[in-house]
């Protein structure tokens, strides 16, 4: 029961932050020279960009601004939630 509440709270917090940082078309040009902050076409690292999430450079989906401290914390929380969720199902407890 506690694990379920933990996972639900992590997902709730993640969805609230994601909702607050949804990127619209007007955000596209918010950061000048955005292309120089991409590493290997999939990693975005810009400490001056306040966004947690931003649209991927190509294709569908979102990526995380790895320079934002809040995004790093959120990434760790998501990883902990996934690992704990997997442990519950694999161990059956």
Foldseek 3Di string as FASTA:
>chain_A
DVLVVLLVVLVVVVVVLCVVQPDDPVCPPVDPPQVVQDDPQAAGEDLVDPGQWDARPDDGDIHGHPNDPVNVVSVVSVVVSVVSVVCCVVVVD
